[in-house]
PDB file of N, CA and C in Angstrom:
ATOM      1  N   UNK A   1     -24.800   3.195  -8.464  1.00  0.00           N
ATOM      2  CA  UNK A   1     -25.571   4.360  -8.862  1.00  0.00           C
ATOM      3  C   UNK A   1     -26.105   5.070  -7.620  1.00  0.00           C
ATOM      4  N   UNK A   2     -26.118   6.368  -7.656  1.00  0.00           N
ATOM      5  CA  UNK A   2     -26.683   7.179  -6.588  1.00  0.00           C
ATOM      6  C   UNK A   2     -27.843   7.985  -7.131  1.00  0.00           C
ATOM      7  N   UNK A   3     -28.649   8.523  -6.238  1.00  0.00           N
ATOM      8  CA  UNK A   3     -29.821   9.289  -6.635  1.00  0.00           C
ATOM      9  C   UNK A   3     -29.640  10.731  -6.183  1.00  0.00           C
ATOM     10  N   UNK A   4     -29.728  11.678  -7.114  1.00  0.00           N
ATOM     11  CA  UNK A   4     -29.598  13.100  -6.811  1.00  0.00           C
ATOM     12  C   UNK A   4     -30.719  13.836  -7.517  1.00  0.00           C
ATOM     13  N   UNK A   5     -31.602  14.458  -6.757  1.00  0.00           N
ATOM     14  CA  UNK A   5     -32.751  15.192  -7.307  1.00  0.00           C
ATOM     15  C   UNK A   5     -33.585  14.312  -8.232  1.00  0.00           C
ATOM     16  N   UNK A   6     -33.723  13.038  -7.879  1.00  0.00           N
ATOM     17  CA  UNK A   6     -34.554  12.131  -8.648  1.00  0.00           C
ATOM     18  C   UNK A   6     -33.890  11.564  -9.891  1.00  0.00           C
ATOM     19  N   UNK A   7     -32.637  11.899 -10.139  1.00  0.00           N
ATOM     20  CA  UNK A   7     -31.918  11.407 -11.315  1.00  0.00           C
ATOM     21  C   UNK A   7     -30.779  10.526 -10.838  1.00  0.00           C
ATOM     22  N   UNK A   8     -30.681   9.325 -11.383  1.00  0.00           N
ATOM     23  CA  UNK A   8     -29.583   8.443 -11.020  1.00  0.00           C
ATOM     24  C   UNK A   8     -28.336   8.863 -11.787  1.00  0.00           C
ATOM     25  N   UNK A   9     -27.186   8.766 -11.108  1.00  0.00           N
ATOM     26  CA  UNK A   9     -25.925   9.088 -11.747  1.00  0.00           C
ATOM     27  C   UNK A   9     -24.849   8.126 -11.259  1.00  0.00           C
ATOM     28  N   UNK A  10     -23.813   8.019 -12.033  1.00  0.00           N
ATOM     29  CA  UNK A  10     -22.700   7.146 -11.700  1.00  0.00           C
ATOM     30  C   UNK A  10     -21.735   7.895 -10.789  1.00  0.00           C
ATOM     31  N   UNK A  11     -21.364   7.298  -9.653  1.00  0.00           N
ATOM     32  CA  UNK A  11     -20.412   7.915  -8.739  1.00  0.00           C
ATOM     33  C   UNK A  11     -19.007   7.563  -9.193  1.00  0.00           C
ATOM     34  N   UNK A  12     -18.171   8.581  -9.414  1.00  0.00           N
ATOM     35  CA  UNK A  12     -16.815   8.314  -9.884  1.00  0.00           C
ATOM     36  C   UNK A  12     -15.765   8.730  -8.860  1.00  0.00           C
ATOM     37  N   UNK A  13     -16.180   9.101  -7.667  1.00  0.00           N
ATOM     38  CA  UNK A  13     -15.243   9.473  -6.614  1.00  0.00           C
ATOM     39  C   UNK A  13     -15.754  10.681  -5.837  1.00  0.00           C
ATOM     40  N   UNK A  14     -14.840  11.330  -5.150  1.00  0.00           N
ATOM     41  CA  UNK A  14     -15.163  12.485  -4.320  1.00  0.00           C
ATOM     42  C   UNK A  14     -14.060  13.525  -4.458  1.00  0.00           C
ATOM     43  N   UNK A  15     -14.354  14.764  -4.068  1.00  0.00           N
ATOM     44  CA  UNK A  15     -13.308  15.763  -3.978  1.00  0.00           C
ATOM     45  C   UNK A  15     -13.447  16.524  -2.671  1.00  0.00           C
ATOM     46  N   UNK A  16     -12.314  16.942  -2.139  1.00  0.00           N
ATOM     47  CA  UNK A  16     -12.256  17.667  -0.875  1.00  0.00           C
ATOM     48  C   UNK A  16     -11.822  19.089  -1.184  1.00  0.00           C
ATOM     49  N   UNK A  17     -12.656  20.066  -0.802  1.00  0.00           N
ATOM     50  CA  UNK A  17     -12.331  21.483  -0.955  1.00  0.00           C
ATOM     51  C   UNK A  17     -11.594  21.967   0.284  1.00  0.00           C
ATOM     52  N   UNK A  18     -10.554  22.740   0.091  1.00  0.00           N
ATOM     53  CA  UNK A  18      -9.794  23.343   1.186  1.00  0.00           C
ATOM     54  C   UNK A  18     -10.088  24.839   1.224  1.00  0.00           C
ATOM     55  N   UNK A  19     -10.476  25.335   2.393  1.00  0.00           N
ATOM     56  CA  UNK A  19     -10.847  26.739   2.567  1.00  0.00           C
ATOM     57  C   UNK A  19     -10.059  27.334   3.737  1.00  0.00           C
ATOM     58  N   UNK A  20      -9.667  28.608   3.585  1.00  0.00           N
ATOM     59  CA  UNK A  20      -9.009  29.356   4.658  1.00  0.00           C
ATOM     60  C   UNK A  20      -9.725  30.691   4.779  1.00  0.00           C
ATOM     61  N   UNK A  21     -10.267  30.966   5.954  1.00  0.00           N
ATOM     62  CA  UNK A  21     -10.993  32.217   6.212  1.00  0.00           C
ATOM     63  C   UNK A  21     -12.070  32.493   5.164  1.00  0.00           C
ATOM     64  N   UNK A  22     -12.794  31.448   4.762  1.00  0.00           N
ATOM     65  CA  UNK A  22     -13.884  31.604   3.799  1.00  0.00           C
ATOM     66  C   UNK A  22     -13.444  31.709   2.356  1.00  0.00           C
ATOM     67  N   UNK A  23     -12.155  31.576   2.071  1.00  0.00           N
ATOM     68  CA  UNK A  23     -11.648  31.668   0.703  1.00  0.00           C
ATOM     69  C   UNK A  23     -11.203  30.296   0.223  1.00  0.00           C
ATOM     70  N   UNK A  24     -11.561  29.995  -1.007  1.00  0.00           N
ATOM     71  CA  UNK A  24     -11.205  28.720  -1.631  1.00  0.00           C
ATOM     72  C   UNK A  24      -9.717  28.705  -1.960  1.00  0.00           C
ATOM     73  N   UNK A  25      -9.016  27.660  -1.527  1.00  0.00           N
ATOM     74  CA  UNK A  25      -7.594  27.524  -1.838  1.00  0.00           C
ATOM     75  C   UNK A  25      -7.339  26.454  -2.881  1.00  0.00           C
ATOM     76  N   UNK A  26      -8.116  25.383  -2.861  1.00  0.00           N
ATOM     77  CA  UNK A  26      -7.922  24.319  -3.831  1.00  0.00           C
ATOM     78  C   UNK A  26      -8.699  23.082  -3.437  1.00  0.00           C
ATOM     79  N   UNK A  27      -8.554  22.032  -4.232  1.00  0.00           N
ATOM     80  CA  UNK A  27      -9.251  20.783  -3.940  1.00  0.00           C
ATOM     81  C   UNK A  27      -8.394  19.606  -4.393  1.00  0.00           C
ATOM     82  N   UNK A  28      -8.707  18.443  -3.836  1.00  0.00           N
ATOM     83  CA  UNK A  28      -8.059  17.205  -4.263  1.00  0.00           C
ATOM     84  C   UNK A  28      -9.132  16.155  -4.508  1.00  0.00           C
ATOM     85  N   UNK A  29      -8.885  15.259  -5.431  1.00  0.00           N
ATOM     86  CA  UNK A  29      -9.793  14.152  -5.716  1.00  0.00           C
ATOM     87  C   UNK A  29      -9.386  12.942  -4.893  1.00  0.00           C
ATOM     88  N   UNK A  30     -10.385  12.231  -4.380  1.00  0.00           N
ATOM     89  CA  UNK A  30     -10.132  11.009  -3.627  1.00  0.00           C
ATOM     90  C   UNK A  30     -11.108   9.932  -4.106  1.00  0.00           C
ATOM     91  N   UNK A  31     -10.749   8.675  -3.911  1.00  0.00           N
ATOM     92  CA  UNK A  31     -11.569   7.544  -4.362  1.00  0.00           C
ATOM     93  C   UNK A  31     -12.726   7.242  -3.415  1.00  0.00           C
ATOM     94  N   UNK A  32     -12.452   7.253  -2.114  1.00  0.00           N
ATOM     95  CA  UNK A  32     -13.450   6.875  -1.109  1.00  0.00           C
ATOM     96  C   UNK A  32     -13.730   8.049  -0.173  1.00  0.00           C
ATOM     97  N   UNK A  33     -14.909   8.020   0.446  1.00  0.00           N
ATOM     98  CA  UNK A  33     -15.266   9.065   1.404  1.00  0.00           C
ATOM     99  C   UNK A  33     -14.337   9.005   2.608  1.00  0.00           C
ATOM    100  N   UNK A  34     -13.929  10.175   3.101  1.00  0.00           N
ATOM    101  CA  UNK A  34     -13.117  10.220   4.313  1.00  0.00           C
ATOM    102  C   UNK A  34     -13.941  10.626   5.525  1.00  0.00           C
ATOM    103  N   UNK A  35     -15.249  10.821   5.330  1.00  0.00           N
ATOM    104  CA  UNK A  35     -16.185  11.142   6.414  1.00  0.00           C
ATOM    105  C   UNK A  35     -17.577  10.728   5.982  1.00  0.00           C
ATOM    106  N   UNK A  36     -18.495  10.623   6.924  1.00  0.00           N
ATOM    107  CA  UNK A  36     -19.848  10.160   6.622  1.00  0.00           C
ATOM    108  C   UNK A  36     -20.710  11.244   5.983  1.00  0.00           C
ATOM    109  N   UNK A  37     -20.580  12.489   6.452  1.00  0.00           N
ATOM    110  CA  UNK A  37     -21.451  13.568   5.992  1.00  0.00           C
ATOM    111  C   UNK A  37     -20.762  14.365   4.894  1.00  0.00           C
ATOM    112  N   UNK A  38     -21.447  14.548   3.765  1.00  0.00           N
ATOM    113  CA  UNK A  38     -20.884  15.329   2.671  1.00  0.00           C
ATOM    114  C   UNK A  38     -21.455  16.741   2.701  1.00  0.00           C
ATOM    115  N   UNK A  39     -20.778  17.656   2.021  1.00  0.00           N
ATOM    116  CA  UNK A  39     -21.248  19.029   1.919  1.00  0.00           C
ATOM    117  C   UNK A  39     -20.894  19.879   3.128  1.00  0.00           C
ATOM    118  N   UNK A  40     -21.605  20.980   3.270  1.00  0.00           N
ATOM    119  CA  UNK A  40     -21.335  21.954   4.322  1.00  0.00           C
ATOM    120  C   UNK A  40     -21.440  21.336   5.715  1.00  0.00           C
ATOM    121  N   UNK A  41     -22.409  20.479   5.909  1.00  0.00           N
ATOM    122  CA  UNK A  41     -22.612  19.873   7.236  1.00  0.00           C
ATOM    123  C   UNK A  41     -21.471  18.945   7.635  1.00  0.00           C
ATOM    124  N   UNK A  42     -20.678  18.499   6.685  1.00  0.00           N
ATOM    125  CA  UNK A  42     -19.552  17.630   6.976  1.00  0.00           C
ATOM    126  C   UNK A  42     -18.243  18.386   7.118  1.00  0.00           C
ATOM    127  N   UNK A  43     -18.307  19.683   7.355  1.00  0.00           N
ATOM    128  CA  UNK A  43     -17.113  20.524   7.483  1.00  0.00           C
ATOM    129  C   UNK A  43     -16.222  20.010   8.604  1.00  0.00           C
ATOM    130  N   UNK A  44     -14.911  19.963   8.325  1.00  0.00           N
ATOM    131  CA  UNK A  44     -13.928  19.561   9.332  1.00  0.00           C
ATOM    132  C   UNK A  44     -12.846  20.628   9.413  1.00  0.00           C
ATOM    133  N   UNK A  45     -12.452  20.960  10.632  1.00  0.00           N
ATOM    134  CA  UNK A  45     -11.422  21.975  10.871  1.00  0.00           C
ATOM    135  C   UNK A  45     -10.089  21.290  11.135  1.00  0.00           C
ATOM    136  N   UNK A  46      -9.009  21.880  10.621  1.00  0.00           N
ATOM    137  CA  UNK A  46      -7.677  21.308  10.745  1.00  0.00           C
ATOM    138  C   UNK A  46      -6.648  22.411  10.955  1.00  0.00           C
ATOM    139  N   UNK A  47      -5.468  22.013  11.398  1.00  0.00           N
ATOM    140  CA  UNK A  47      -4.285  22.869  11.412  1.00  0.00           C
ATOM    141  C   UNK A  47      -3.235  22.126  10.596  1.00  0.00           C
ATOM    142  N   UNK A  48      -2.666  22.799   9.592  1.00  0.00           N
ATOM    143  CA  UNK A  48      -1.716  22.148   8.684  1.00  0.00           C
ATOM    144  C   UNK A  48      -0.456  21.726   9.425  1.00  0.00           C
ATOM    145  N   UNK A  49      -0.093  20.460   9.289  1.00  0.00           N
ATOM    146  CA  UNK A  49       1.131  19.948   9.908  1.00  0.00           C
ATOM    147  C   UNK A  49       2.322  20.060   8.954  1.00  0.00           C
ATOM    148  N   UNK A  50       2.021  20.355   7.684  1.00  0.00           N
ATOM    149  CA  UNK A  50       3.052  20.590   6.667  1.00  0.00           C
ATOM    150  C   UNK A  50       2.436  21.471   5.590  1.00  0.00           C
ATOM    151  N   UNK A  51       3.244  22.047   4.733  1.00  0.00           N
ATOM    152  CA  UNK A  51       2.730  22.884   3.656  1.00  0.00           C
ATOM    153  C   UNK A  51       1.885  22.041   2.697  1.00  0.00           C
ATOM    154  N   UNK A  52       0.744  22.597   2.271  1.00  0.00           N
ATOM    155  CA  UNK A  52      -0.133  21.949   1.293  1.00  0.00           C
ATOM    156  C   UNK A  52      -0.142  22.838   0.063  1.00  0.00           C
ATOM    157  N   UNK A  53       0.331  22.325  -1.069  1.00  0.00           N
ATOM    158  CA  UNK A  53       0.412  23.105  -2.303  1.00  0.00           C
ATOM    159  C   UNK A  53      -0.562  22.502  -3.314  1.00  0.00           C
ATOM    160  N   UNK A  54      -1.380  23.363  -3.927  1.00  0.00           N
ATOM    161  CA  UNK A  54      -2.384  22.933  -4.894  1.00  0.00           C
ATOM    162  C   UNK A  54      -1.926  23.230  -6.317  1.00  0.00           C
ATOM    163  N   UNK A  55      -2.606  22.637  -7.289  1.00  0.00           N
ATOM    164  CA  UNK A  55      -2.226  22.814  -8.689  1.00  0.00           C
ATOM    165  C   UNK A  55      -2.422  24.256  -9.171  1.00  0.00           C
ATOM    166  N   UNK A  56      -3.240  25.042  -8.466  1.00  0.00           N
ATOM    167  CA  UNK A  56      -3.455  26.443  -8.844  1.00  0.00           C
ATOM    168  C   UNK A  56      -2.406  27.363  -8.208  1.00  0.00           C
ATOM    169  N   UNK A  57      -1.336  26.776  -7.651  1.00  0.00           N
ATOM    170  CA  UNK A  57      -0.196  27.471  -7.049  1.00  0.00           C
ATOM    171  C   UNK A  57      -0.488  28.080  -5.682  1.00  0.00           C
ATOM    172  N   UNK A  58      -1.696  27.920  -5.156  1.00  0.00           N
ATOM    173  CA  UNK A  58      -1.997  28.416  -3.819  1.00  0.00           C
ATOM    174  C   UNK A  58      -1.410  27.453  -2.801  1.00  0.00           C
ATOM    175  N   UNK A  59      -1.109  27.968  -1.619  1.00  0.00           N
ATOM    176  CA  UNK A  59      -0.412  27.187  -0.611  1.00  0.00           C
ATOM    177  C   UNK A  59      -1.024  27.455   0.759  1.00  0.00           C
ATOM    178  N   UNK A  60      -1.247  26.384   1.507  1.00  0.00           N
ATOM    179  CA  UNK A  60      -1.601  26.484   2.919  1.00  0.00           C
ATOM    180  C   UNK A  60      -0.323  26.157   3.678  1.00  0.00           C
ATOM    181  N   UNK A  61       0.179  27.133   4.413  1.00  0.00           N
ATOM    182  CA  UNK A  61       1.464  26.963   5.105  1.00  0.00           C
ATOM    183  C   UNK A  61       1.291  26.191   6.406  1.00  0.00           C
ATOM    184  N   UNK A  62       2.362  25.563   6.813  1.00  0.00           N
ATOM    185  CA  UNK A  62       2.387  24.804   8.062  1.00  0.00           C
ATOM    186  C   UNK A  62       1.935  25.697   9.220  1.00  0.00           C
ATOM    187  N   UNK A  63       1.002  25.178  10.033  1.00  0.00           N
ATOM    188  CA  UNK A  63       0.499  25.917  11.188  1.00  0.00           C
ATOM    189  C   UNK A  63      -0.764  26.730  10.919  1.00  0.00           C
ATOM    190  N   UNK A  64      -1.155  26.889   9.642  1.00  0.00           N
ATOM    191  CA  UNK A  64      -2.370  27.653   9.319  1.00  0.00           C
ATOM    192  C   UNK A  64      -3.614  26.832   9.634  1.00  0.00           C
ATOM    193  N   UNK A  65      -4.673  27.508  10.054  1.00  0.00           N
ATOM    194  CA  UNK A  65      -5.971  26.861  10.265  1.00  0.00           C
ATOM    195  C   UNK A  65      -6.710  26.842   8.939  1.00  0.00           C
ATOM    196  N   UNK A  66      -7.342  25.714   8.642  1.00  0.00           N
ATOM    197  CA  UNK A  66      -8.149  25.593   7.431  1.00  0.00           C
ATOM    198  C   UNK A  66      -9.280  24.622   7.714  1.00  0.00           C
ATOM    199  N   UNK A  67     -10.275  24.599   6.809  1.00  0.00           N
ATOM    200  CA  UNK A  67     -11.343  23.619   6.927  1.00  0.00           C
ATOM    201  C   UNK A  67     -11.631  23.018   5.572  1.00  0.00           C
ATOM    202  N   UNK A  68     -12.275  21.847   5.603  1.00  0.00           N
ATOM    203  CA  UNK A  68     -12.538  21.111   4.367  1.00  0.00           C
ATOM    204  C   UNK A  68     -14.006  20.719   4.267  1.00  0.00           C
ATOM    205  N   UNK A  69     -14.465  20.570   3.028  1.00  0.00           N
ATOM    206  CA  UNK A  69     -15.793  20.038   2.700  1.00  0.00           C
ATOM    207  C   UNK A  69     -15.576  18.878   1.736  1.00  0.00           C
ATOM    208  N   UNK A  70     -16.407  17.864   1.837  1.00  0.00           N
ATOM    209  CA  UNK A  70     -16.355  16.716   0.933  1.00  0.00           C
ATOM    210  C   UNK A  70     -17.577  16.742   0.020  1.00  0.00           C
ATOM    211  N   UNK A  71     -17.349  16.569  -1.284  1.00  0.00           N
ATOM    212  CA  UNK A  71     -18.448  16.541  -2.260  1.00  0.00           C
ATOM    213  C   UNK A  71     -18.265  15.357  -3.207  1.00  0.00           C
ATOM    214  N   UNK A  72     -19.376  14.771  -3.704  1.00  0.00           N
ATOM    215  CA  UNK A  72     -19.247  13.663  -4.658  1.00  0.00           C
ATOM    216  C   UNK A  72     -18.935  14.177  -6.059  1.00  0.00           C
ATOM    217  N   UNK A  73     -18.181  13.401  -6.803  1.00  0.00           N
ATOM    218  CA  UNK A  73     -17.969  13.656  -8.226  1.00  0.00           C
ATOM    219  C   UNK A  73     -18.983  12.801  -8.968  1.00  0.00           C
ATOM    220  N   UNK A  74     -19.814  13.418  -9.756  1.00  0.00           N
ATOM    221  CA  UNK A  74     -20.874  12.703 -10.463  1.00  0.00           C
ATOM    222  C   UNK A  74     -20.443  12.417 -11.888  1.00  0.00           C
ATOM    223  N   UNK A  75     -20.708  11.210 -12.329  1.00  0.00           N
ATOM    224  CA  UNK A  75     -20.410  10.816 -13.698  1.00  0.00           C
ATOM    225  C   UNK A  75     -21.642  10.964 -14.573  1.00  0.00           C
ATOM    226  N   UNK A  76     -21.747  10.102 -15.521  1.00  0.00           N
ATOM    227  CA  UNK A  76     -22.840  10.129 -16.488  1.00  0.00           C
ATOM    228  C   UNK A  76     -24.172   9.777 -15.815  1.00  0.00           C
ATOM    229  N   UNK A  77     -25.225  10.506 -16.161  1.00  0.00           N
ATOM    230  CA  UNK A  77     -26.549  10.192 -15.621  1.00  0.00           C
ATOM    231  C   UNK A  77     -27.306   9.335 -16.629  1.00  0.00           C
ATOM    232  N   UNK A  78     -28.322   8.670 -16.146  1.00  0.00           N
ATOM    233  CA  UNK A  78     -29.156   7.878 -17.043  1.00  0.00           C
ATOM    234  C   UNK A  78     -30.465   8.612 -17.337  1.00  0.00           C
ATOM    235  N   UNK A  79     -30.460   9.939 -17.161  1.00  0.00           N
ATOM    236  CA  UNK A  79     -31.651  10.742 -17.382  1.00  0.00           C
ATOM    237  C   UNK A  79     -32.050  10.716 -18.847  1.00  0.00           C
ATOM    238  N   UNK A  80     -33.338  10.442 -19.091  1.00  0.00           N
ATOM    239  CA  UNK A  80     -33.878  10.458 -20.439  1.00  0.00           C
ATOM    240  C   UNK A  80     -35.208  11.208 -20.393  1.00  0.00           C
ATOM    241  N   UNK A  81     -35.285  12.387 -21.020  1.00  0.00           N
ATOM    242  CA  UNK A  81     -36.527  13.180 -20.946  1.00  0.00           C
ATOM    243  C   UNK A  81     -37.747  12.445 -21.531  1.00  0.00           C
ATOM    244  N   UNK A  82     -37.544  11.456 -22.370  1.00  0.00           N
ATOM    245  CA  UNK A  82     -38.662  10.714 -22.960  1.00  0.00           C
ATOM    246  C   UNK A  82     -39.374   9.863 -21.908  1.00  0.00           C
ATOM    247  N   UNK A  83     -38.682   9.575 -20.784  1.00  0.00           N
ATOM    248  CA  UNK A  83     -39.270   8.731 -19.755  1.00  0.00           C
ATOM    249  C   UNK A  83     -40.056   9.521 -18.712  1.00  0.00           C
ATOM    250  N   UNK A  84     -40.143  10.836 -18.852  1.00  0.00           N
ATOM    251  CA  UNK A  84     -40.865  11.661 -17.877  1.00  0.00           C
ATOM    252  C   UNK A  84     -42.365  11.574 -18.155  1.00  0.00           C
ATOM    253  N   UNK A  85     -43.119  11.304 -17.099  1.00  0.00           N
ATOM    254  CA  UNK A  85     -44.573  11.219 -17.210  1.00  0.00           C
ATOM    255  C   UNK A  85     -45.175  12.424 -16.511  1.00  0.00           C
ATOM    256  N   UNK A  86     -46.106  13.086 -17.142  1.00  0.00           N
ATOM    257  CA  UNK A  86     -46.783  14.232 -16.530  1.00  0.00           C
ATOM    258  C   UNK A  86     -48.070  13.765 -15.883  1.00  0.00           C
ATOM    259  N   UNK A  87     -48.487  14.499 -14.859  1.00  0.00           N
ATOM    260  CA  UNK A  87     -49.727  14.151 -14.157  1.00  0.00           C
ATOM    261  C   UNK A  87     -50.933  14.744 -14.839  1.00  0.00           C
TER     262      UNK A  87
END
């Protein structure tokens, strides 16, 4: 279980967003983290060594510069509004 904004949730994996010149091209799901920092601060820059084709038919061609962000995939939370205590 992980904690996000005070609510515990089940971690079911991660996804990596692929961006070119600030435009979203696609994403892939992965089981384990491929870097320590998630989100914008964990941005990594790459040059494609082969064509990358996504399910939305977009393509990053060999030799293009792109960058990636890693984000967690959140599963079911155990949030129950009945357990909230007011001050």
